[in-house]
């Protein structure tokens, strides 16, 4: 009975070590994804700002002053 309990305990410890390793790996993946998400958010914001600037410049270029203002 003691050998059986010892064997079961070793198996549980082995499974626990394996699960801890998997959790560490998954945590590393999540951390990388968060970093990538932050970079992508900044890039989208930068692109959005650039597009707004270009759109405003296009509107200003197409919105000519009336002749009596020139």
Protein backbone atom coordinates (compact mmCIF):
# COMPACT_ATOMS: atom_id res chain seq x y z
CA UNK A 1 0.00 0.00 0.00
CA UNK A 2 2.85 2.39 0.83
CA UNK A 3 4.46 1.67 -2.56
CA UNK A 4 1.15 2.35 -4.29
CA UNK A 5 0.74 5.69 -2.47
CA UNK A 6 4.34 6.60 -3.23
CA UNK A 7 3.83 5.78 -6.90
CA UNK A 8 0.62 7.81 -7.03
CA UNK A 9 2.34 10.73 -5.30
CA UNK A 10 5.24 10.65 -7.78
CA UNK A 11 2.78 10.58 -10.67
CA UNK A 12 0.85 13.54 -9.24
CA UNK A 13 4.06 15.50 -8.68
CA UNK A 14 5.12 14.75 -12.26
CA UNK A 15 1.78 15.93 -13.61
CA UNK A 16 1.92 19.04 -11.44
CA UNK A 17 5.42 19.89 -12.69
CA UNK A 18 4.23 19.44 -16.28
CA UNK A 19 1.21 21.68 -15.68
CA UNK A 20 3.36 24.35 -14.03
CA UNK A 21 5.64 24.33 -17.07
CA UNK A 22 2.65 24.69 -19.40
CA UNK A 23 1.30 27.59 -17.35
CA UNK A 24 4.68 29.35 -17.57
CA UNK A 25 4.74 28.85 -21.34
CA UNK A 26 1.19 30.13 -21.74
CA UNK A 27 1.98 33.12 -19.55
CA UNK A 28 4.93 33.99 -21.78
CA UNK A 29 2.67 33.79 -24.85
CA UNK A 30 0.07 36.03 -23.22
CA UNK A 31 2.73 38.59 -22.29
CA UNK A 32 4.01 38.67 -25.89
CA UNK A 33 0.47 39.05 -27.21
CA UNK A 34 -0.19 41.97 -24.87
CA UNK A 35 2.99 43.67 -26.08
CA UNK A 36 2.01 43.07 -29.70
CA UNK A 37 -1.51 44.36 -29.07
CA UNK A 38 -0.12 47.56 -27.56
CA UNK A 39 2.20 48.06 -30.54
CA UNK A 40 -0.69 47.49 -32.94
CA UNK A 41 -2.92 49.92 -31.06
CA UNK A 42 -0.24 52.60 -31.32
CA UNK A 43 0.23 51.88 -35.02
CA UNK A 44 -3.51 52.08 -35.70
CA UNK A 45 -3.68 55.38 -33.82
CA UNK A 46 -0.72 56.72 -35.80
CA UNK A 47 -2.30 55.62 -39.09
CA UNK A 48 -5.64 57.11 -38.09
CA UNK A 49 -4.03 60.44 -37.28
CA UNK A 50 -2.14 60.42 -40.57
CA UNK A 51 -5.33 59.64 -42.51
CA UNK A 52 -7.19 62.46 -40.75
CA UNK A 53 -4.38 64.87 -41.60
CA UNK A 54 -4.40 63.81 -45.25
CA UNK A 55 -8.18 64.12 -45.42
CA UNK A 56 -8.07 67.62 -43.95
CA UNK A 57 -5.38 68.65 -46.44
CA UNK A 58 -7.46 67.23 -49.30
CA UNK A 59 -10.55 69.11 -48.13
CA UNK A 60 -8.59 72.36 -47.81
CA UNK A 61 -7.10 71.90 -51.29
CA UNK A 62 -10.55 71.36 -52.82
CA UNK A 63 -12.17 74.20 -50.89
CA UNK A 64 -11.01 77.20 -52.89
CA UNK A 65 -11.73 80.74 -51.73
CA UNK A 66 -14.30 82.71 -53.66
CA UNK A 67 -12.81 85.20 -56.16
CA UNK A 68 -13.63 88.22 -54.02
CA UNK A 69 -11.40 86.85 -51.19
CA UNK A 70 -8.33 86.55 -53.37
